[in-house]
Amino acid sequence: QLHLVESGGGLVQPGGSLRLSCIASGRAHSQYYVRYWFRQAPRKEREFVASIGEGGNTDYADAVKYRFAITRETGNNTWYLQMTNLKPDDTAVYYCNGAGFWGQGTQVTVSS
């Protein structure tokens, strides 16, 4: 199984930027899997943020499109979420997911 660890969260002012990292260790049932970022705001359900496939194809939620970018290191079980022009509505715990496994989450708070 995979063990995922997120990092990079914190407190940032509106308009600021953060980069989240997800490091995966262990083995999944397959080395080929889509890598995801999700988030969960207080009193809301967990929602999809971004994904990146093995071929590098990406997908984004409408709320973050053109502000967030998901990337990965090829040959390395690490992926990132570069977040720019952050808004208070982006405040949430951010989780990475790969091959059905979840990390513990990292808190992102956008506030002045």
PDB file of N, CA and C in Angstrom:
ATOM      1  N   GLN A   1       0.834  -1.189   0.000  1.00  0.00           N
ATOM      2  CA  GLN A   1       0.000   0.000   0.000  1.00  0.00           C
ATOM      3  C   GLN A   1       0.871   1.242   0.000  1.00  0.00           C
ATOM      4  N   LEU A   2       0.247   2.378  -0.327  1.00  0.00           N
ATOM      5  CA  LEU A   2       0.963   3.642  -0.362  1.00  0.00           C
ATOM      6  C   LEU A   2       0.740   4.416   0.931  1.00  0.00           C
ATOM      7  N   HIS A   3       1.782   5.119   1.324  1.00  0.00           N
ATOM      8  CA  HIS A   3       1.693   6.058   2.444  1.00  0.00           C
ATOM      9  C   HIS A   3       1.969   7.446   1.880  1.00  0.00           C
ATOM     10  N   LEU A   4       0.998   8.334   2.012  1.00  0.00           N
ATOM     11  CA  LEU A   4       1.107   9.662   1.420  1.00  0.00           C
ATOM     12  C   LEU A   4       1.253  10.708   2.513  1.00  0.00           C
ATOM     13  N   VAL A   5       2.144  11.646   2.292  1.00  0.00           N
ATOM     14  CA  VAL A   5       2.364  12.721   3.255  1.00  0.00           C
ATOM     15  C   VAL A   5       2.340  14.050   2.521  1.00  0.00           C
ATOM     16  N   GLU A   6       1.414  14.913   2.938  1.00  0.00           N
ATOM     17  CA  GLU A   6       1.336  16.256   2.371  1.00  0.00           C
ATOM     18  C   GLU A   6       2.142  17.237   3.226  1.00  0.00           C
ATOM     19  N   SER A   7       2.584  18.301   2.584  1.00  0.00           N
ATOM     20  CA  SER A   7       3.248  19.390   3.294  1.00  0.00           C
ATOM     21  C   SER A   7       3.076  20.671   2.502  1.00  0.00           C
ATOM     22  N   GLY A   8       3.404  21.786   3.143  1.00  0.00           N
ATOM     23  CA  GLY A   8       3.383  23.069   2.448  1.00  0.00           C
ATOM     24  C   GLY A   8       2.219  23.968   2.780  1.00  0.00           C
ATOM     25  N   GLY A   9       1.301  23.497   3.589  1.00  0.00           N
ATOM     26  CA  GLY A   9       0.172  24.334   3.956  1.00  0.00           C
ATOM     27  C   GLY A   9       0.592  25.440   4.907  1.00  0.00           C
ATOM     28  N   GLY A  10      -0.339  26.358   5.173  1.00  0.00           N
ATOM     29  CA  GLY A  10      -0.049  27.442   6.086  1.00  0.00           C
ATOM     30  C   GLY A  10      -1.061  28.553   5.971  1.00  0.00           C
ATOM     31  N   LEU A  11      -0.720  29.672   6.583  1.00  0.00           N
ATOM     32  CA  LEU A  11      -1.558  30.863   6.555  1.00  0.00           C
ATOM     33  C   LEU A  11      -1.000  31.828   5.516  1.00  0.00           C
ATOM     34  N   VAL A  12      -1.862  32.317   4.653  1.00  0.00           N
ATOM     35  CA  VAL A  12      -1.432  33.236   3.604  1.00  0.00           C
ATOM     36  C   VAL A  12      -2.505  34.293   3.410  1.00  0.00           C
ATOM     37  N   GLN A  13      -2.088  35.470   3.006  1.00  0.00           N
ATOM     38  CA  GLN A  13      -3.047  36.540   2.749  1.00  0.00           C
ATOM     39  C   GLN A  13      -3.717  36.352   1.392  1.00  0.00           C
ATOM     40  N   PRO A  14      -4.902  36.893   1.225  1.00  0.00           N
ATOM     41  CA  PRO A  14      -5.550  36.829  -0.098  1.00  0.00           C
ATOM     42  C   PRO A  14      -4.624  37.384  -1.180  1.00  0.00           C
ATOM     43  N   GLY A  15      -4.594  36.684  -2.295  1.00  0.00           N
ATOM     44  CA  GLY A  15      -3.702  37.050  -3.385  1.00  0.00           C
ATOM     45  C   GLY A  15      -2.345  36.385  -3.316  1.00  0.00           C
ATOM     46  N   GLY A  16      -2.074  35.729  -2.212  1.00  0.00           N
ATOM     47  CA  GLY A  16      -0.785  35.080  -2.034  1.00  0.00           C
ATOM     48  C   GLY A  16      -0.713  33.718  -2.710  1.00  0.00           C
ATOM     49  N   SER A  17       0.425  33.061  -2.506  1.00  0.00           N
ATOM     50  CA  SER A  17       0.689  31.763  -3.148  1.00  0.00           C
ATOM     51  C   SER A  17       1.231  30.773  -2.130  1.00  0.00           C
ATOM     52  N   LEU A  18       0.986  29.513  -2.422  1.00  0.00           N
ATOM     53  CA  LEU A  18       1.549  28.401  -1.655  1.00  0.00           C
ATOM     54  C   LEU A  18       1.806  27.256  -2.611  1.00  0.00           C
ATOM     55  N   ARG A  19       2.751  26.410  -2.243  1.00  0.00           N
ATOM     56  CA  ARG A  19       2.959  25.170  -3.000  1.00  0.00           C
ATOM     57  C   ARG A  19       2.858  24.003  -2.039  1.00  0.00           C
ATOM     58  N   LEU A  20       1.937  23.111  -2.355  1.00  0.00           N
ATOM     59  CA  LEU A  20       1.764  21.896  -1.573  1.00  0.00           C
ATOM     60  C   LEU A  20       2.532  20.762  -2.227  1.00  0.00           C
ATOM     61  N   SER A  21       3.048  19.885  -1.396  1.00  0.00           N
ATOM     62  CA  SER A  21       3.760  18.702  -1.882  1.00  0.00           C
ATOM     63  C   SER A  21       3.101  17.449  -1.334  1.00  0.00           C
ATOM     64  N   CYS A  22       3.165  16.400  -2.103  1.00  0.00           N
ATOM     65  CA  CYS A  22       2.691  15.086  -1.672  1.00  0.00           C
ATOM     66  C   CYS A  22       3.772  14.073  -2.014  1.00  0.00           C
ATOM     67  N   ILE A  23       4.253  13.397  -0.998  1.00  0.00           N
ATOM     68  CA  ILE A  23       5.278  12.374  -1.197  1.00  0.00           C
ATOM     69  C   ILE A  23       4.675  11.014  -0.873  1.00  0.00           C
ATOM     70  N   ALA A  24       4.779  10.105  -1.818  1.00  0.00           N
ATOM     71  CA  ALA A  24       4.236   8.765  -1.656  1.00  0.00           C
ATOM     72  C   ALA A  24       5.363   7.776  -1.449  1.00  0.00           C
ATOM     73  N   SER A  25       5.180   6.890  -0.492  1.00  0.00           N
ATOM     74  CA  SER A  25       6.131   5.808  -0.260  1.00  0.00           C
ATOM     75  C   SER A  25       5.368   4.502  -0.205  1.00  0.00           C
ATOM     76  N   GLY A  26       6.076   3.406  -0.398  1.00  0.00           N
ATOM     77  CA  GLY A  26       5.432   2.108  -0.431  1.00  0.00           C
ATOM     78  C   GLY A  26       5.093   1.717  -1.853  1.00  0.00           C
ATOM     79  N   ARG A  27       4.219   0.751  -1.994  1.00  0.00           N
ATOM     80  CA  ARG A  27       3.863   0.246  -3.320  1.00  0.00           C
ATOM     81  C   ARG A  27       2.361   0.180  -3.471  1.00  0.00           C
ATOM     82  N   ALA A  28       1.885   0.667  -4.620  1.00  0.00           N
ATOM     83  CA  ALA A  28       0.481   0.523  -4.974  1.00  0.00           C
ATOM     84  C   ALA A  28       0.320  -0.755  -5.790  1.00  0.00           C
ATOM     85  N   HIS A  29      -0.908  -1.130  -6.081  1.00  0.00           N
ATOM     86  CA  HIS A  29      -1.159  -2.311  -6.893  1.00  0.00           C
ATOM     87  C   HIS A  29      -0.607  -2.142  -8.297  1.00  0.00           C
ATOM     88  N   SER A  30      -0.425  -0.891  -8.699  1.00  0.00           N
ATOM     89  CA  SER A  30       0.148  -0.579 -10.001  1.00  0.00           C
ATOM     90  C   SER A  30       0.976   0.689  -9.861  1.00  0.00           C
ATOM     91  N   GLN A  31       2.057   0.783 -10.604  1.00  0.00           N
ATOM     92  CA  GLN A  31       2.856   1.996 -10.572  1.00  0.00           C
ATOM     93  C   GLN A  31       2.227   3.101 -11.399  1.00  0.00           C
ATOM     94  N   TYR A  32       1.183   2.767 -12.143  1.00  0.00           N
ATOM     95  CA  TYR A  32       0.535   3.743 -13.000  1.00  0.00           C
ATOM     96  C   TYR A  32      -0.801   4.121 -12.381  1.00  0.00           C
ATOM     97  N   TYR A  33      -0.879   5.312 -11.904  1.00  0.00           N
ATOM     98  CA  TYR A  33      -2.132   5.760 -11.323  1.00  0.00           C
ATOM     99  C   TYR A  33      -2.235   7.277 -11.419  1.00  0.00           C
ATOM    100  N   VAL A  34      -3.469   7.726 -11.409  1.00  0.00           N
ATOM    101  CA  VAL A  34      -3.729   9.159 -11.450  1.00  0.00           C
ATOM    102  C   VAL A  34      -3.452   9.739 -10.060  1.00  0.00           C
ATOM    103  N   ARG A  35      -2.848  10.904 -10.037  1.00  0.00           N
ATOM    104  CA  ARG A  35      -2.539  11.591  -8.795  1.00  0.00           C
ATOM    105  C   ARG A  35      -3.482  12.771  -8.623  1.00  0.00           C
ATOM    106  N   TYR A  36      -4.024  12.892  -7.439  1.00  0.00           N
ATOM    107  CA  TYR A  36      -5.076  13.865  -7.182  1.00  0.00           C
ATOM    108  C   TYR A  36      -4.729  14.790  -6.030  1.00  0.00           C
ATOM    109  N   TRP A  37      -5.420  15.942  -6.061  1.00  0.00           N
ATOM    110  CA  TRP A  37      -5.569  16.810  -4.898  1.00  0.00           C
ATOM    111  C   TRP A  37      -7.065  17.030  -4.672  1.00  0.00           C
ATOM    112  N   PHE A  38      -7.467  16.910  -3.427  1.00  0.00           N
ATOM    113  CA  PHE A  38      -8.818  17.220  -2.982  1.00  0.00           C
ATOM    114  C   PHE A  38      -8.711  18.231  -1.839  1.00  0.00           C
ATOM    115  N   ARG A  39      -9.826  18.808  -1.464  1.00  0.00           N
ATOM    116  CA  ARG A  39      -9.850  19.692  -0.308  1.00  0.00           C
ATOM    117  C   ARG A  39     -11.187  19.573   0.402  1.00  0.00           C
ATOM    118  N   GLN A  40     -11.160  19.904   1.679  1.00  0.00           N
ATOM    119  CA  GLN A  40     -12.385  19.878   2.472  1.00  0.00           C
ATOM    120  C   GLN A  40     -12.410  21.109   3.363  1.00  0.00           C
ATOM    121  N   ALA A  41     -13.370  21.979   3.100  1.00  0.00           N
ATOM    122  CA  ALA A  41     -13.563  23.171   3.905  1.00  0.00           C
ATOM    123  C   ALA A  41     -14.463  22.841   5.097  1.00  0.00           C
ATOM    124  N   PRO A  42     -14.420  23.658   6.128  1.00  0.00           N
ATOM    125  CA  PRO A  42     -15.275  23.402   7.301  1.00  0.00           C
ATOM    126  C   PRO A  42     -16.749  23.283   6.903  1.00  0.00           C
ATOM    127  N   ARG A  43     -17.379  22.255   7.421  1.00  0.00           N
ATOM    128  CA  ARG A  43     -18.820  22.009   7.212  1.00  0.00           C
ATOM    129  C   ARG A  43     -19.169  21.733   5.748  1.00  0.00           C
ATOM    130  N   LYS A  44     -18.184  21.362   4.959  1.00  0.00           N
ATOM    131  CA  LYS A  44     -18.443  21.011   3.570  1.00  0.00           C
ATOM    132  C   LYS A  44     -17.876  19.639   3.268  1.00  0.00           C
ATOM    133  N   GLU A  45     -18.350  19.048   2.178  1.00  0.00           N
ATOM    134  CA  GLU A  45     -17.842  17.761   1.761  1.00  0.00           C
ATOM    135  C   GLU A  45     -16.485  17.920   1.062  1.00  0.00           C
ATOM    136  N   ARG A  46     -15.724  16.843   1.089  1.00  0.00           N
ATOM    137  CA  ARG A  46     -14.462  16.851   0.370  1.00  0.00           C
ATOM    138  C   ARG A  46     -14.741  16.993  -1.122  1.00  0.00           C
ATOM    139  N   GLU A  47     -13.939  17.830  -1.784  1.00  0.00           N
ATOM    140  CA  GLU A  47     -14.178  18.075  -3.201  1.00  0.00           C
ATOM    141  C   GLU A  47     -12.888  17.946  -4.003  1.00  0.00           C
ATOM    142  N   PHE A  48     -13.068  17.604  -5.244  1.00  0.00           N
ATOM    143  CA  PHE A  48     -11.962  17.473  -6.192  1.00  0.00           C
ATOM    144  C   PHE A  48     -11.359  18.836  -6.477  1.00  0.00           C
ATOM    145  N   VAL A  49     -10.028  18.872  -6.551  1.00  0.00           N
ATOM    146  CA  VAL A  49      -9.331  20.116  -6.907  1.00  0.00           C
ATOM    147  C   VAL A  49      -8.606  19.959  -8.237  1.00  0.00           C
ATOM    148  N   ALA A  50      -7.767  18.925  -8.338  1.00  0.00           N
ATOM    149  CA  ALA A  50      -6.952  18.772  -9.534  1.00  0.00           C
ATOM    150  C   ALA A  50      -6.467  17.339  -9.639  1.00  0.00           C
ATOM    151  N   SER A  51      -6.112  16.954 -10.860  1.00  0.00           N
ATOM    152  CA  SER A  51      -5.544  15.633 -11.077  1.00  0.00           C
ATOM    153  C   SER A  51      -4.529  15.691 -12.203  1.00  0.00           C
ATOM    154  N   ILE A  52      -3.619  14.729 -12.178  1.00  0.00           N
ATOM    155  CA  ILE A  52      -2.636  14.596 -13.240  1.00  0.00           C
ATOM    156  C   ILE A  52      -2.462  13.120 -13.543  1.00  0.00           C
ATOM    157  N   GLY A  53      -2.586  12.770 -14.820  1.00  0.00           N
ATOM    158  CA  GLY A  53      -2.470  11.390 -15.223  1.00  0.00           C
ATOM    159  C   GLY A  53      -1.035  11.015 -15.542  1.00  0.00           C
ATOM    160  N   GLU A  54      -0.862   9.733 -15.867  1.00  0.00           N
ATOM    161  CA  GLU A  54       0.473   9.237 -16.164  1.00  0.00           C
ATOM    162  C   GLU A  54       1.088   9.935 -17.374  1.00  0.00           C
ATOM    163  N   GLY A  55       0.237  10.325 -18.309  1.00  0.00           N
ATOM    164  CA  GLY A  55       0.717  11.003 -19.498  1.00  0.00           C
ATOM    165  C   GLY A  55       0.911  12.492 -19.323  1.00  0.00           C
ATOM    166  N   GLY A  56       0.658  12.971 -18.112  1.00  0.00           N
ATOM    167  CA  GLY A  56       0.800  14.404 -17.849  1.00  0.00           C
ATOM    168  C   GLY A  56      -0.448  15.209 -18.098  1.00  0.00           C
ATOM    169  N   ASN A  57      -1.524  14.543 -18.497  1.00  0.00           N
ATOM    170  CA  ASN A  57      -2.760  15.279 -18.716  1.00  0.00           C
ATOM    171  C   ASN A  57      -3.337  15.730 -17.376  1.00  0.00           C
ATOM    172  N   THR A  58      -3.836  16.937 -17.341  1.00  0.00           N
ATOM    173  CA  THR A  58      -4.328  17.526 -16.098  1.00  0.00           C
ATOM    174  C   THR A  58      -5.807  17.893 -16.198  1.00  0.00           C
ATOM    175  N   ASP A  59      -6.407  17.992 -15.047  1.00  0.00           N
ATOM    176  CA  ASP A  59      -7.810  18.398 -14.958  1.00  0.00           C
ATOM    177  C   ASP A  59      -7.965  19.217 -13.684  1.00  0.00           C
ATOM    178  N   TYR A  60      -8.855  20.204 -13.725  1.00  0.00           N
ATOM    179  CA  TYR A  60      -9.026  21.104 -12.590  1.00  0.00           C
ATOM    180  C   TYR A  60     -10.499  21.373 -12.324  1.00  0.00           C
ATOM    181  N   ALA A  61     -10.795  21.605 -11.071  1.00  0.00           N
ATOM    182  CA  ALA A  61     -12.121  22.109 -10.735  1.00  0.00           C
ATOM    183  C   ALA A  61     -12.250  23.532 -11.266  1.00  0.00           C
ATOM    184  N   ASP A  62     -13.447  23.902 -11.657  1.00  0.00           N
ATOM    185  CA  ASP A  62     -13.656  25.236 -12.212  1.00  0.00           C
ATOM    186  C   ASP A  62     -13.210  26.335 -11.246  1.00  0.00           C
ATOM    187  N   ALA A  63     -13.390  26.092  -9.954  1.00  0.00           N
ATOM    188  CA  ALA A  63     -13.090  27.126  -8.953  1.00  0.00           C
ATOM    189  C   ALA A  63     -11.605  27.463  -8.874  1.00  0.00           C
ATOM    190  N   VAL A  64     -10.756  26.554  -9.345  1.00  0.00           N
ATOM    191  CA  VAL A  64      -9.312  26.780  -9.214  1.00  0.00           C
ATOM    192  C   VAL A  64      -8.613  26.886 -10.553  1.00  0.00           C
ATOM    193  N   LYS A  65      -9.347  26.683 -11.635  1.00  0.00           N
ATOM    194  CA  LYS A  65      -8.736  26.697 -12.960  1.00  0.00           C
ATOM    195  C   LYS A  65      -8.061  28.036 -13.202  1.00  0.00           C
ATOM    196  N   TYR A  66      -6.873  27.996 -13.773  1.00  0.00           N
ATOM    197  CA  TYR A  66      -6.055  29.164 -14.110  1.00  0.00           C
ATOM    198  C   TYR A  66      -5.380  29.782 -12.888  1.00  0.00           C
ATOM    199  N   ARG A  67      -5.660  29.274 -11.690  1.00  0.00           N
ATOM    200  CA  ARG A  67      -4.956  29.753 -10.489  1.00  0.00           C
ATOM    201  C   ARG A  67      -4.069  28.679  -9.868  1.00  0.00           C
ATOM    202  N   PHE A  68      -4.472  27.431 -10.010  1.00  0.00           N
ATOM    203  CA  PHE A  68      -3.720  26.317  -9.439  1.00  0.00           C
ATOM    204  C   PHE A  68      -3.093  25.507 -10.568  1.00  0.00           C
ATOM    205  N   ALA A  69      -1.987  24.871 -10.262  1.00  0.00           N
ATOM    206  CA  ALA A  69      -1.333  24.002 -11.232  1.00  0.00           C
ATOM    207  C   ALA A  69      -0.816  22.755 -10.529  1.00  0.00           C
ATOM    208  N   ILE A  70      -1.172  21.619 -11.067  1.00  0.00           N
ATOM    209  CA  ILE A  70      -0.695  20.347 -10.519  1.00  0.00           C
ATOM    210  C   ILE A  70       0.441  19.841 -11.396  1.00  0.00           C
ATOM    211  N   THR A  71       1.495  19.410 -10.758  1.00  0.00           N
ATOM    212  CA  THR A  71       2.643  18.862 -11.476  1.00  0.00           C
ATOM    213  C   THR A  71       3.142  17.633 -10.720  1.00  0.00           C
ATOM    214  N   ARG A  72       4.003  16.881 -11.391  1.00  0.00           N
ATOM    215  CA  ARG A  72       4.576  15.711 -10.751  1.00  0.00           C
ATOM    216  C   ARG A  72       6.014  15.554 -11.203  1.00  0.00           C
ATOM    217  N   GLU A  73       6.782  14.887 -10.403  1.00  0.00           N
ATOM    218  CA  GLU A  73       8.139  14.542 -10.782  1.00  0.00           C
ATOM    219  C   GLU A  73       8.098  13.155 -11.404  1.00  0.00           C
ATOM    220  N   THR A  74       8.507  13.044 -12.643  1.00  0.00           N
ATOM    221  CA  THR A  74       8.498  11.743 -13.302  1.00  0.00           C
ATOM    222  C   THR A  74       9.547  10.850 -12.653  1.00  0.00           C
ATOM    223  N   GLY A  75       9.179   9.590 -12.506  1.00  0.00           N
ATOM    224  CA  GLY A  75      10.085   8.639 -11.893  1.00  0.00           C
ATOM    225  C   GLY A  75      10.227   8.818 -10.400  1.00  0.00           C
ATOM    226  N   ASN A  76       9.394   9.658  -9.829  1.00  0.00           N
ATOM    227  CA  ASN A  76       9.478   9.967  -8.406  1.00  0.00           C
ATOM    228  C   ASN A  76       8.055  10.106  -7.898  1.00  0.00           C
ATOM    229  N   ASN A  77       7.740   9.458  -6.831  1.00  0.00           N
ATOM    230  CA  ASN A  77       6.377   9.512  -6.321  1.00  0.00           C
ATOM    231  C   ASN A  77       6.130  10.799  -5.544  1.00  0.00           C
ATOM    232  N   THR A  78       6.275  11.902  -6.219  1.00  0.00           N
ATOM    233  CA  THR A  78       6.036  13.208  -5.610  1.00  0.00           C
ATOM    234  C   THR A  78       5.225  14.041  -6.574  1.00  0.00           C
ATOM    235  N   TRP A  79       4.199  14.666  -6.058  1.00  0.00           N
ATOM    236  CA  TRP A  79       3.462  15.623  -6.874  1.00  0.00           C
ATOM    237  C   TRP A  79       3.136  16.862  -6.058  1.00  0.00           C
ATOM    238  N   TYR A  80       2.791  17.916  -6.796  1.00  0.00           N
ATOM    239  CA  TYR A  80       2.678  19.235  -6.211  1.00  0.00           C
ATOM    240  C   TYR A  80       1.374  19.916  -6.619  1.00  0.00           C
ATOM    241  N   LEU A  81       1.009  20.896  -5.831  1.00  0.00           N
ATOM    242  CA  LEU A  81      -0.088  21.780  -6.201  1.00  0.00           C
ATOM    243  C   LEU A  81       0.392  23.211  -5.960  1.00  0.00           C
ATOM    244  N   GLN A  82       0.680  23.909  -7.052  1.00  0.00           N
ATOM    245  CA  GLN A  82       1.059  25.304  -6.972  1.00  0.00           C
ATOM    246  C   GLN A  82      -0.214  26.138  -6.970  1.00  0.00           C
ATOM    247  N   MET A  83      -0.394  26.906  -5.920  1.00  0.00           N
ATOM    248  CA  MET A  83      -1.616  27.696  -5.767  1.00  0.00           C
ATOM    249  C   MET A  83      -1.265  29.178  -5.787  1.00  0.00           C
ATOM    250  N   THR A  84      -1.878  29.912  -6.672  1.00  0.00           N
ATOM    251  CA  THR A  84      -1.643  31.343  -6.783  1.00  0.00           C
ATOM    252  C   THR A  84      -2.957  32.096  -6.653  1.00  0.00           C
ATOM    253  N   ASN A  85      -2.831  33.410  -6.425  1.00  0.00           N
ATOM    254  CA  ASN A  85      -4.016  34.261  -6.292  1.00  0.00           C
ATOM    255  C   ASN A  85      -5.038  33.621  -5.348  1.00  0.00           C
ATOM    256  N   LEU A  86      -4.576  33.211  -4.199  1.00  0.00           N
ATOM    257  CA  LEU A  86      -5.443  32.504  -3.256  1.00  0.00           C
ATOM    258  C   LEU A  86      -6.532  33.413  -2.723  1.00  0.00           C
ATOM    259  N   LYS A  87      -7.685  32.795  -2.480  1.00  0.00           N
ATOM    260  CA  LYS A  87      -8.855  33.495  -1.998  1.00  0.00           C
ATOM    261  C   LYS A  87      -9.310  32.884  -0.671  1.00  0.00           C
ATOM    262  N   PRO A  88     -10.050  33.639   0.132  1.00  0.00           N
ATOM    263  CA  PRO A  88     -10.549  33.062   1.394  1.00  0.00           C
ATOM    264  C   PRO A  88     -11.337  31.763   1.179  1.00  0.00           C
ATOM    265  N   ASP A  89     -12.041  31.660   0.060  1.00  0.00           N
ATOM    266  CA  ASP A  89     -12.805  30.438  -0.220  1.00  0.00           C
ATOM    267  C   ASP A  89     -11.913  29.227  -0.473  1.00  0.00           C
ATOM    268  N   ASP A  90     -10.621  29.444  -0.639  1.00  0.00           N
ATOM    269  CA  ASP A  90      -9.694  28.322  -0.805  1.00  0.00           C
ATOM    270  C   ASP A  90      -9.284  27.721   0.534  1.00  0.00           C
ATOM    271  N   THR A  91      -9.692  28.346   1.618  1.00  0.00           N
ATOM    272  CA  THR A  91      -9.368  27.822   2.946  1.00  0.00           C
ATOM    273  C   THR A  91      -9.971  26.434   3.119  1.00  0.00           C
ATOM    274  N   ALA A  92      -9.119  25.473   3.444  1.00  0.00           N
ATOM    275  CA  ALA A  92      -9.552  24.080   3.557  1.00  0.00           C
ATOM    276  C   ALA A  92      -8.372  23.230   3.996  1.00  0.00           C
ATOM    277  N   VAL A  93      -8.675  22.001   4.336  1.00  0.00           N
ATOM    278  CA  VAL A  93      -7.629  20.992   4.479  1.00  0.00           C
ATOM    279  C   VAL A  93      -7.463  20.343   3.104  1.00  0.00           C
ATOM    280  N   TYR A  94      -6.240  20.308   2.634  1.00  0.00           N
ATOM    281  CA  TYR A  94      -5.944  19.764   1.313  1.00  0.00           C
ATOM    282  C   TYR A  94      -5.342  18.371   1.465  1.00  0.00           C
ATOM    283  N   TYR A  95      -5.877  17.448   0.678  1.00  0.00           N
ATOM    284  CA  TYR A  95      -5.464  16.056   0.728  1.00  0.00           C
ATOM    285  C   TYR A  95      -4.953  15.619  -0.642  1.00  0.00           C
ATOM    286  N   CYS A  96      -3.917  14.818  -0.643  1.00  0.00           N
ATOM    287  CA  CYS A  96      -3.536  14.171  -1.881  1.00  0.00           C
ATOM    288  C   CYS A  96      -4.053  12.729  -1.858  1.00  0.00           C
ATOM    289  N   ASN A  97      -4.242  12.227  -3.060  1.00  0.00           N
ATOM    290  CA  ASN A  97      -4.767  10.875  -3.240  1.00  0.00           C
ATOM    291  C   ASN A  97      -4.060  10.242  -4.417  1.00  0.00           C
ATOM    292  N   GLY A  98      -3.683   8.972  -4.226  1.00  0.00           N
ATOM    293  CA  GLY A  98      -3.076   8.226  -5.305  1.00  0.00           C
ATOM    294  C   GLY A  98      -3.418   6.767  -5.134  1.00  0.00           C
ATOM    295  N   ALA A  99      -3.872   6.142  -6.191  1.00  0.00           N
ATOM    296  CA  ALA A  99      -4.215   4.710  -6.172  1.00  0.00           C
ATOM    297  C   ALA A  99      -5.190   4.367  -5.056  1.00  0.00           C
ATOM    298  N   GLY A 100      -6.031   5.304  -4.721  1.00  0.00           N
ATOM    299  CA  GLY A 100      -7.039   5.063  -3.698  1.00  0.00           C
ATOM    300  C   GLY A 100      -6.597   5.324  -2.275  1.00  0.00           C
ATOM    301  N   PHE A 101      -5.354   5.725  -2.087  1.00  0.00           N
ATOM    302  CA  PHE A 101      -4.835   6.011  -0.755  1.00  0.00           C
ATOM    303  C   PHE A 101      -4.835   7.520  -0.518  1.00  0.00           C
ATOM    304  N   TRP A 102      -5.055   7.887   0.757  1.00  0.00           N
ATOM    305  CA  TRP A 102      -5.131   9.291   1.143  1.00  0.00           C
ATOM    306  C   TRP A 102      -4.002   9.672   2.088  1.00  0.00           C
ATOM    307  N   GLY A 103      -3.570  10.940   1.975  1.00  0.00           N
ATOM    308  CA  GLY A 103      -2.698  11.478   2.990  1.00  0.00           C
ATOM    309  C   GLY A 103      -3.508  11.988   4.167  1.00  0.00           C
ATOM    310  N   GLN A 104      -2.802  12.556   5.144  1.00  0.00           N
ATOM    311  CA  GLN A 104      -3.463  13.023   6.363  1.00  0.00           C
ATOM    312  C   GLN A 104      -3.985  14.442   6.207  1.00  0.00           C
ATOM    313  N   GLY A 105      -3.563  15.135   5.171  1.00  0.00           N
ATOM    314  CA  GLY A 105      -4.050  16.478   4.910  1.00  0.00           C
ATOM    315  C   GLY A 105      -3.128  17.553   5.439  1.00  0.00           C
ATOM    316  N   THR A 106      -3.193  18.726   4.817  1.00  0.00           N
ATOM    317  CA  THR A 106      -2.443  19.890   5.257  1.00  0.00           C
ATOM    318  C   THR A 106      -3.377  21.097   5.195  1.00  0.00           C
ATOM    319  N   GLN A 107      -3.354  21.901   6.240  1.00  0.00           N
ATOM    320  CA  GLN A 107      -4.281  23.013   6.356  1.00  0.00           C
ATOM    321  C   GLN A 107      -3.791  24.210   5.555  1.00  0.00           C
ATOM    322  N   VAL A 108      -4.674  24.769   4.758  1.00  0.00           N
ATOM    323  CA  VAL A 108      -4.424  26.024   4.059  1.00  0.00           C
ATOM    324  C   VAL A 108      -5.457  27.038   4.539  1.00  0.00           C
ATOM    325  N   THR A 109      -4.980  28.147   5.047  1.00  0.00           N
ATOM    326  CA  THR A 109      -5.864  29.202   5.521  1.00  0.00           C
ATOM    327  C   THR A 109      -5.526  30.490   4.792  1.00  0.00           C
ATOM    328  N   VAL A 110      -6.523  31.064   4.137  1.00  0.00           N
ATOM    329  CA  VAL A 110      -6.337  32.305   3.389  1.00  0.00           C
ATOM    330  C   VAL A 110      -7.123  33.388   4.123  1.00  0.00           C
ATOM    331  N   SER A 111      -6.397  34.306   4.722  1.00  0.00           N
ATOM    332  CA  SER A 111      -7.051  35.333   5.539  1.00  0.00           C
ATOM    333  C   SER A 111      -6.136  36.529   5.688  1.00  0.00           C
ATOM    334  N   SER A 112      -6.747  37.703   5.774  1.00  0.00           N
ATOM    335  CA  SER A 112      -5.973  38.915   6.033  1.00  0.00           C
ATOM    336  C   SER A 112      -5.924  39.199   7.519  1.00  0.00           C
TER     337      SER A 112
END
